[in-house]
Amino acid sequence: MIKVSKTIKISEKSYNKLNAFAGSLRAKEGKPISIDKALSELFERSTKGKATDFAGSWSMSEEEAENIKNDLKRHWKTWKIK
C-alpha cells in the first residue's frame, strides 16, 4: 500500500474522540496504534453494521434517557401476543 501524506481539518472535539479511540485500541491490542490505523478501524466497524461497536458513543442527558425509557415502557404495553 502506498502511503501519502495529507492534511485534513477536524474539530478539536473530533480530534479528542479519535485520540481516545486510538488509546482504547492501544490498550486492547497492547501495541502502539497510529491515527491512520484508528481511522481504518472506525471505517471497518461502520460497514459491519454492529450496533454494539458503538456502545457508549452516544452522549445524552439523564432527561433524554428517562424519556426513551418511558417511551419504550409505554410502547411495550401496546404489544399483543398473537
PDB file of N, CA and C in Angstrom:
ATOM      1  N   MET A   1       0.838  -1.171   0.000  1.00  0.00           N
ATOM      2  CA  MET A   1       0.000   0.000   0.000  1.00  0.00           C
ATOM      3  C   MET A   1       0.886   1.239   0.000  1.00  0.00           C
ATOM      4  N   ILE A   2       0.556   2.158  -0.862  1.00  0.00           N
ATOM      5  CA  ILE A   2       1.300   3.410  -0.934  1.00  0.00           C
ATOM      6  C   ILE A   2       0.731   4.379   0.087  1.00  0.00           C
ATOM      7  N   LYS A   3       1.601   4.915   0.910  1.00  0.00           N
ATOM      8  CA  LYS A   3       1.183   5.896   1.915  1.00  0.00           C
ATOM      9  C   LYS A   3       1.392   7.296   1.349  1.00  0.00           C
ATOM     10  N   VAL A   4       0.396   8.142   1.526  1.00  0.00           N
ATOM     11  CA  VAL A   4       0.508   9.538   1.122  1.00  0.00           C
ATOM     12  C   VAL A   4       0.292  10.398   2.346  1.00  0.00           C
ATOM     13  N   SER A   5       0.823  11.571   2.300  1.00  0.00           N
ATOM     14  CA  SER A   5       0.664  12.499   3.414  1.00  0.00           C
ATOM     15  C   SER A   5      -0.353  13.560   3.009  1.00  0.00           C
ATOM     16  N   LYS A   6      -1.396  13.711   3.824  1.00  0.00           N
ATOM     17  CA  LYS A   6      -2.448  14.687   3.562  1.00  0.00           C
ATOM     18  C   LYS A   6      -2.743  15.452   4.840  1.00  0.00           C
ATOM     19  N   THR A   7      -3.165  16.675   4.697  1.00  0.00           N
ATOM     20  CA  THR A   7      -3.579  17.477   5.833  1.00  0.00           C
ATOM     21  C   THR A   7      -5.094  17.604   5.784  1.00  0.00           C
ATOM     22  N   ILE A   8      -5.738  17.320   6.899  1.00  0.00           N
ATOM     23  CA  ILE A   8      -7.186  17.489   6.990  1.00  0.00           C
ATOM     24  C   ILE A   8      -7.496  18.369   8.190  1.00  0.00           C
ATOM     25  N   LYS A   9      -8.633  19.031   8.147  1.00  0.00           N
ATOM     26  CA  LYS A   9      -9.061  19.861   9.273  1.00  0.00           C
ATOM     27  C   LYS A   9     -10.234  19.166   9.947  1.00  0.00           C
ATOM     28  N   ILE A  10     -10.114  18.967  11.257  1.00  0.00           N
ATOM     29  CA  ILE A  10     -11.202  18.408  12.043  1.00  0.00           C
ATOM     30  C   ILE A  10     -11.338  19.239  13.314  1.00  0.00           C
ATOM     31  N   SER A  11     -12.496  19.159  13.916  1.00  0.00           N
ATOM     32  CA  SER A  11     -12.719  19.936  15.136  1.00  0.00           C
ATOM     33  C   SER A  11     -11.894  19.359  16.284  1.00  0.00           C
ATOM     34  N   GLU A  12     -11.702  20.166  17.296  1.00  0.00           N
ATOM     35  CA  GLU A  12     -10.972  19.723  18.494  1.00  0.00           C
ATOM     36  C   GLU A  12     -11.693  18.538  19.141  1.00  0.00           C
ATOM     37  N   LYS A  13     -13.024  18.607  19.149  1.00  0.00           N
ATOM     38  CA  LYS A  13     -13.826  17.539  19.734  1.00  0.00           C
ATOM     39  C   LYS A  13     -13.608  16.220  18.974  1.00  0.00           C
ATOM     40  N   SER A  14     -13.632  16.270  17.644  1.00  0.00           N
ATOM     41  CA  SER A  14     -13.408  15.063  16.840  1.00  0.00           C
ATOM     42  C   SER A  14     -11.991  14.529  17.037  1.00  0.00           C
ATOM     43  N   TYR A  15     -11.034  15.434  17.092  1.00  0.00           N
ATOM     44  CA  TYR A  15      -9.643  15.032  17.303  1.00  0.00           C
ATOM     45  C   TYR A  15      -9.485  14.320  18.643  1.00  0.00           C
ATOM     46  N   ASN A  16     -10.099  14.870  19.680  1.00  0.00           N
ATOM     47  CA  ASN A  16     -10.005  14.253  21.005  1.00  0.00           C
ATOM     48  C   ASN A  16     -10.673  12.877  21.026  1.00  0.00           C
ATOM     49  N   LYS A  17     -11.821  12.761  20.360  1.00  0.00           N
ATOM     50  CA  LYS A  17     -12.502  11.463  20.296  1.00  0.00           C
ATOM     51  C   LYS A  17     -11.673  10.444  19.523  1.00  0.00           C
ATOM     52  N   LEU A  18     -11.056  10.878  18.432  1.00  0.00           N
ATOM     53  CA  LEU A  18     -10.210   9.982  17.640  1.00  0.00           C
ATOM     54  C   LEU A  18      -9.008   9.517  18.452  1.00  0.00           C
ATOM     55  N   ASN A  19      -8.393  10.423  19.186  1.00  0.00           N
ATOM     56  CA  ASN A  19      -7.262  10.041  20.036  1.00  0.00           C
ATOM     57  C   ASN A  19      -7.696   9.089  21.146  1.00  0.00           C
ATOM     58  N   ALA A  20      -8.868   9.338  21.719  1.00  0.00           N
ATOM     59  CA  ALA A  20      -9.380   8.445  22.763  1.00  0.00           C
ATOM     60  C   ALA A  20      -9.639   7.050  22.182  1.00  0.00           C
ATOM     61  N   PHE A  21     -10.189   6.997  20.977  1.00  0.00           N
ATOM     62  CA  PHE A  21     -10.438   5.710  20.319  1.00  0.00           C
ATOM     63  C   PHE A  21      -9.114   4.995  20.045  1.00  0.00           C
ATOM     64  N   ALA A  22      -8.124   5.728  19.552  1.00  0.00           N
ATOM     65  CA  ALA A  22      -6.806   5.135  19.307  1.00  0.00           C
ATOM     66  C   ALA A  22      -6.215   4.617  20.613  1.00  0.00           C
ATOM     67  N   GLY A  23      -6.427   5.352  21.694  1.00  0.00           N
ATOM     68  CA  GLY A  23      -5.942   4.914  23.008  1.00  0.00           C
ATOM     69  C   GLY A  23      -6.606   3.632  23.460  1.00  0.00           C
ATOM     70  N   SER A  24      -7.909   3.505  23.206  1.00  0.00           N
ATOM     71  CA  SER A  24      -8.604   2.265  23.590  1.00  0.00           C
ATOM     72  C   SER A  24      -8.115   1.090  22.748  1.00  0.00           C
ATOM     73  N   LEU A  25      -7.804   1.340  21.476  1.00  0.00           N
ATOM     74  CA  LEU A  25      -7.230   0.271  20.640  1.00  0.00           C
ATOM     75  C   LEU A  25      -5.847  -0.128  21.142  1.00  0.00           C
ATOM     76  N   ARG A  26      -5.046   0.887  21.540  1.00  0.00           N
ATOM     77  CA  ARG A  26      -3.712   0.605  22.096  1.00  0.00           C
ATOM     78  C   ARG A  26      -3.821  -0.290  23.315  1.00  0.00           C
ATOM     79  N   ALA A  27      -4.760   0.032  24.208  1.00  0.00           N
ATOM     80  CA  ALA A  27      -4.944  -0.756  25.427  1.00  0.00           C
ATOM     81  C   ALA A  27      -5.401  -2.176  25.096  1.00  0.00           C
ATOM     82  N   LYS A  28      -6.278  -2.305  24.134  1.00  0.00           N
ATOM     83  CA  LYS A  28      -6.815  -3.607  23.751  1.00  0.00           C
ATOM     84  C   LYS A  28      -5.772  -4.484  23.062  1.00  0.00           C
ATOM     85  N   GLU A  29      -5.017  -3.877  22.142  1.00  0.00           N
ATOM     86  CA  GLU A  29      -4.046  -4.640  21.347  1.00  0.00           C
ATOM     87  C   GLU A  29      -2.664  -4.708  21.984  1.00  0.00           C
ATOM     88  N   GLY A  30      -2.406  -3.849  22.961  1.00  0.00           N
ATOM     89  CA  GLY A  30      -1.124  -3.868  23.643  1.00  0.00           C
ATOM     90  C   GLY A  30       0.047  -3.409  22.799  1.00  0.00           C
ATOM     91  N   LYS A  31      -0.242  -2.561  21.826  1.00  0.00           N
ATOM     92  CA  LYS A  31       0.829  -2.025  20.968  1.00  0.00           C
ATOM     93  C   LYS A  31       0.424  -0.638  20.477  1.00  0.00           C
ATOM     94  N   PRO A  32       1.395   0.151  20.031  1.00  0.00           N
ATOM     95  CA  PRO A  32       1.076   1.487  19.524  1.00  0.00           C
ATOM     96  C   PRO A  32       0.122   1.416  18.324  1.00  0.00           C
ATOM     97  N   ILE A  33      -0.803   2.358  18.263  1.00  0.00           N
ATOM     98  CA  ILE A  33      -1.780   2.432  17.172  1.00  0.00           C
ATOM     99  C   ILE A  33      -1.689   3.818  16.552  1.00  0.00           C
ATOM    100  N   SER A  34      -1.514   3.872  15.245  1.00  0.00           N
ATOM    101  CA  SER A  34      -1.455   5.160  14.553  1.00  0.00           C
ATOM    102  C   SER A  34      -2.867   5.706  14.358  1.00  0.00           C
ATOM    103  N   ILE A  35      -2.939   6.988  14.091  1.00  0.00           N
ATOM    104  CA  ILE A  35      -4.223   7.613  13.787  1.00  0.00           C
ATOM    105  C   ILE A  35      -4.791   6.981  12.516  1.00  0.00           C
ATOM    106  N   ASP A  36      -3.940   6.671  11.556  1.00  0.00           N
ATOM    107  CA  ASP A  36      -4.378   6.008  10.323  1.00  0.00           C
ATOM    108  C   ASP A  36      -5.037   4.660  10.642  1.00  0.00           C
ATOM    109  N   LYS A  37      -4.421   3.885  11.521  1.00  0.00           N
ATOM    110  CA  LYS A  37      -4.986   2.590  11.918  1.00  0.00           C
ATOM    111  C   LYS A  37      -6.313   2.789  12.643  1.00  0.00           C
ATOM    112  N   ALA A  38      -6.397   3.791  13.505  1.00  0.00           N
ATOM    113  CA  ALA A  38      -7.632   4.066  14.234  1.00  0.00           C
ATOM    114  C   ALA A  38      -8.749   4.431  13.261  1.00  0.00           C
ATOM    115  N   LEU A  39      -8.448   5.281  12.280  1.00  0.00           N
ATOM    116  CA  LEU A  39      -9.449   5.636  11.275  1.00  0.00           C
ATOM    117  C   LEU A  39      -9.872   4.419  10.465  1.00  0.00           C
ATOM    118  N   SER A  40      -8.914   3.591  10.068  1.00  0.00           N
ATOM    119  CA  SER A  40      -9.232   2.377   9.311  1.00  0.00           C
ATOM    120  C   SER A  40     -10.156   1.470  10.117  1.00  0.00           C
ATOM    121  N   GLU A  41      -9.897   1.343  11.403  1.00  0.00           N
ATOM    122  CA  GLU A  41     -10.730   0.513  12.272  1.00  0.00           C
ATOM    123  C   GLU A  41     -12.148   1.091  12.376  1.00  0.00           C
ATOM    124  N   LEU A  42     -12.255   2.397  12.492  1.00  0.00           N
ATOM    125  CA  LEU A  42     -13.577   3.030  12.534  1.00  0.00           C
ATOM    126  C   LEU A  42     -14.338   2.794  11.233  1.00  0.00           C
ATOM    127  N   PHE A  43     -13.660   2.935  10.108  1.00  0.00           N
ATOM    128  CA  PHE A  43     -14.310   2.700   8.811  1.00  0.00           C
ATOM    129  C   PHE A  43     -14.760   1.252   8.695  1.00  0.00           C
ATOM    130  N   GLU A  44     -13.919   0.335   9.125  1.00  0.00           N
ATOM    131  CA  GLU A  44     -14.255  -1.089   9.074  1.00  0.00           C
ATOM    132  C   GLU A  44     -15.480  -1.378   9.936  1.00  0.00           C
ATOM    133  N   ARG A  45     -15.495  -0.828  11.128  1.00  0.00           N
ATOM    134  CA  ARG A  45     -16.634  -1.058  12.030  1.00  0.00           C
ATOM    135  C   ARG A  45     -17.914  -0.446  11.491  1.00  0.00           C
ATOM    136  N   SER A  46     -17.799   0.683  10.827  1.00  0.00           N
ATOM    137  CA  SER A  46     -19.005   1.355  10.330  1.00  0.00           C
ATOM    138  C   SER A  46     -19.666   0.569   9.208  1.00  0.00           C
ATOM    139  N   THR A  47     -18.933  -0.283   8.526  1.00  0.00           N
ATOM    140  CA  THR A  47     -19.520  -1.072   7.447  1.00  0.00           C
ATOM    141  C   THR A  47     -20.021  -2.429   7.920  1.00  0.00           C
ATOM    142  N   LYS A  48     -19.692  -2.813   9.140  1.00  0.00           N
ATOM    143  CA  LYS A  48     -20.134  -4.103   9.663  1.00  0.00           C
ATOM    144  C   LYS A  48     -21.576  -4.053  10.152  1.00  0.00           C
ATOM    145  N   GLY A  49     -22.029  -2.892  10.556  1.00  0.00           N
ATOM    146  CA  GLY A  49     -23.401  -2.740  10.984  1.00  0.00           C
ATOM    147  C   GLY A  49     -23.719  -3.281  12.369  1.00  0.00           C
ATOM    148  N   LYS A  50     -22.700  -3.505  13.202  1.00  0.00           N
ATOM    149  CA  LYS A  50     -22.940  -3.972  14.565  1.00  0.00           C
ATOM    150  C   LYS A  50     -23.126  -2.769  15.487  1.00  0.00           C
ATOM    151  N   ALA A  51     -24.310  -2.635  16.026  1.00  0.00           N
ATOM    152  CA  ALA A  51     -24.588  -1.504  16.911  1.00  0.00           C
ATOM    153  C   ALA A  51     -23.718  -1.530  18.161  1.00  0.00           C
ATOM    154  N   THR A  52     -23.361  -2.716  18.622  1.00  0.00           N
ATOM    155  CA  THR A  52     -22.577  -2.821  19.850  1.00  0.00           C
ATOM    156  C   THR A  52     -21.174  -2.244  19.696  1.00  0.00           C
ATOM    157  N   ASP A  53     -20.687  -2.103  18.473  1.00  0.00           N
ATOM    158  CA  ASP A  53     -19.380  -1.491  18.267  1.00  0.00           C
ATOM    159  C   ASP A  53     -19.355  -0.034  18.710  1.00  0.00           C
ATOM    160  N   PHE A  54     -20.519   0.569  18.742  1.00  0.00           N
ATOM    161  CA  PHE A  54     -20.587   1.978  19.097  1.00  0.00           C
ATOM    162  C   PHE A  54     -21.201   2.203  20.474  1.00  0.00           C
ATOM    163  N   ALA A  55     -21.256   1.163  21.273  1.00  0.00           N
ATOM    164  CA  ALA A  55     -21.820   1.273  22.623  1.00  0.00           C
ATOM    165  C   ALA A  55     -21.050   2.335  23.406  1.00  0.00           C
ATOM    166  N   GLY A  56     -21.795   3.212  24.028  1.00  0.00           N
ATOM    167  CA  GLY A  56     -21.181   4.270  24.821  1.00  0.00           C
ATOM    168  C   GLY A  56     -20.800   5.505  24.047  1.00  0.00           C
ATOM    169  N   SER A  57     -20.951   5.497  22.742  1.00  0.00           N
ATOM    170  CA  SER A  57     -20.543   6.653  21.949  1.00  0.00           C
ATOM    171  C   SER A  57     -21.624   7.719  21.848  1.00  0.00           C
ATOM    172  N   TRP A  58     -22.854   7.367  22.222  1.00  0.00           N
ATOM    173  CA  TRP A  58     -23.949   8.322  22.164  1.00  0.00           C
ATOM    174  C   TRP A  58     -24.040   9.041  23.498  1.00  0.00           C
ATOM    175  N   SER A  59     -23.852  10.322  23.476  1.00  0.00           N
ATOM    176  CA  SER A  59     -23.911  11.122  24.692  1.00  0.00           C
ATOM    177  C   SER A  59     -25.307  11.719  24.826  1.00  0.00           C
ATOM    178  N   MET A  60     -25.968  11.443  25.960  1.00  0.00           N
ATOM    179  CA  MET A  60     -27.297  12.005  26.188  1.00  0.00           C
ATOM    180  C   MET A  60     -27.449  12.387  27.650  1.00  0.00           C
ATOM    181  N   SER A  61     -28.410  13.258  27.883  1.00  0.00           N
ATOM    182  CA  SER A  61     -28.667  13.702  29.254  1.00  0.00           C
ATOM    183  C   SER A  61     -29.513  12.653  29.979  1.00  0.00           C
ATOM    184  N   GLU A  62     -29.585  12.786  31.287  1.00  0.00           N
ATOM    185  CA  GLU A  62     -30.424  11.893  32.089  1.00  0.00           C
ATOM    186  C   GLU A  62     -31.891  12.035  31.682  1.00  0.00           C
ATOM    187  N   GLU A  63     -32.283  13.259  31.364  1.00  0.00           N
ATOM    188  CA  GLU A  63     -33.668  13.508  30.947  1.00  0.00           C
ATOM    189  C   GLU A  63     -33.988  12.774  29.644  1.00  0.00           C
ATOM    190  N   GLU A  64     -33.057  12.827  28.672  1.00  0.00           N
ATOM    191  CA  GLU A  64     -33.272  12.108  27.411  1.00  0.00           C
ATOM    192  C   GLU A  64     -33.367  10.603  27.647  1.00  0.00           C
ATOM    193  N   ALA A  65     -32.501  10.084  28.496  1.00  0.00           N
ATOM    194  CA  ALA A  65     -32.516   8.655  28.795  1.00  0.00           C
ATOM    195  C   ALA A  65     -33.831   8.252  29.443  1.00  0.00           C
ATOM    196  N   GLU A  66     -34.307   9.065  30.349  1.00  0.00           N
ATOM    197  CA  GLU A  66     -35.575   8.780  31.029  1.00  0.00           C
ATOM    198  C   GLU A  66     -36.741   8.825  30.045  1.00  0.00           C
ATOM    199  N   ASN A  67     -36.720   9.798  29.131  1.00  0.00           N
ATOM    200  CA  ASN A  67     -37.771   9.890  28.114  1.00  0.00           C
ATOM    201  C   ASN A  67     -37.800   8.650  27.220  1.00  0.00           C
ATOM    202  N   ILE A  68     -36.632   8.186  26.814  1.00  0.00           N
ATOM    203  CA  ILE A  68     -36.559   6.985  25.980  1.00  0.00           C
ATOM    204  C   ILE A  68     -37.094   5.779  26.740  1.00  0.00           C
ATOM    205  N   LYS A  69     -36.680   5.644  27.973  1.00  0.00           N
ATOM    206  CA  LYS A  69     -37.136   4.514  28.790  1.00  0.00           C
ATOM    207  C   LYS A  69     -38.656   4.542  28.971  1.00  0.00           C
ATOM    208  N   ASN A  70     -39.206   5.711  29.245  1.00  0.00           N
ATOM    209  CA  ASN A  70     -40.657   5.832  29.409  1.00  0.00           C
ATOM    210  C   ASN A  70     -41.406   5.535  28.116  1.00  0.00           C
ATOM    211  N   ASP A  71     -40.872   6.006  26.988  1.00  0.00           N
ATOM    212  CA  ASP A  71     -41.496   5.713  25.695  1.00  0.00           C
ATOM    213  C   ASP A  71     -41.496   4.209  25.419  1.00  0.00           C
ATOM    214  N   LEU A  72     -40.382   3.554  25.704  1.00  0.00           N
ATOM    215  CA  LEU A  72     -40.314   2.105  25.493  1.00  0.00           C
ATOM    216  C   LEU A  72     -41.331   1.370  26.359  1.00  0.00           C
ATOM    217  N   LYS A  73     -41.424   1.763  27.618  1.00  0.00           N
ATOM    218  CA  LYS A  73     -42.393   1.124  28.515  1.00  0.00           C
ATOM    219  C   LYS A  73     -43.810   1.299  27.985  1.00  0.00           C
ATOM    220  N   ARG A  74     -44.118   2.513  27.526  1.00  0.00           N
ATOM    221  CA  ARG A  74     -45.449   2.792  27.011  1.00  0.00           C
ATOM    222  C   ARG A  74     -45.755   1.928  25.783  1.00  0.00           C
ATOM    223  N   HIS A  75     -44.796   1.804  24.882  1.00  0.00           N
ATOM    224  CA  HIS A  75     -45.000   1.016  23.666  1.00  0.00           C
ATOM    225  C   HIS A  75     -45.030  -0.485  23.950  1.00  0.00           C
ATOM    226  N   TRP A  76     -44.246  -0.947  24.914  1.00  0.00           N
ATOM    227  CA  TRP A  76     -44.259  -2.369  25.261  1.00  0.00           C
ATOM    228  C   TRP A  76     -45.649  -2.800  25.738  1.00  0.00           C
ATOM    229  N   LYS A  77     -46.347  -1.902  26.405  1.00  0.00           N
ATOM    230  CA  LYS A  77     -47.695  -2.220  26.900  1.00  0.00           C
ATOM    231  C   LYS A  77     -48.697  -2.406  25.762  1.00  0.00           C
ATOM    232  N   THR A  78     -48.387  -1.848  24.583  1.00  0.00           N
ATOM    233  CA  THR A  78     -49.326  -1.955  23.467  1.00  0.00           C
ATOM    234  C   THR A  78     -49.109  -3.222  22.640  1.00  0.00           C
ATOM    235  N   TRP A  79     -48.017  -3.937  22.861  1.00  0.00           N
ATOM    236  CA  TRP A  79     -47.735  -5.166  22.104  1.00  0.00           C
ATOM    237  C   TRP A  79     -48.714  -6.253  22.512  1.00  0.00           C
ATOM    238  N   LYS A  80     -49.169  -6.948  21.525  1.00  0.00           N
ATOM    239  CA  LYS A  80     -50.102  -8.053  21.797  1.00  0.00           C
ATOM    240  C   LYS A  80     -49.524  -9.330  21.218  1.00  0.00           C
ATOM    241  N   ILE A  81     -49.611 -10.383  21.979  1.00  0.00           N
ATOM    242  CA  ILE A  81     -49.137 -11.700  21.516  1.00  0.00           C
ATOM    243  C   ILE A  81     -50.270 -12.332  20.728  1.00  0.00           C
ATOM    244  N   LYS A  82     -49.925 -12.792  19.535  1.00  0.00           N
ATOM    245  CA  LYS A  82     -50.948 -13.421  18.682  1.00  0.00           C
ATOM    246  C   LYS A  82     -50.972 -14.903  18.877  1.00  0.00           C
TER     247      LYS A  82
END
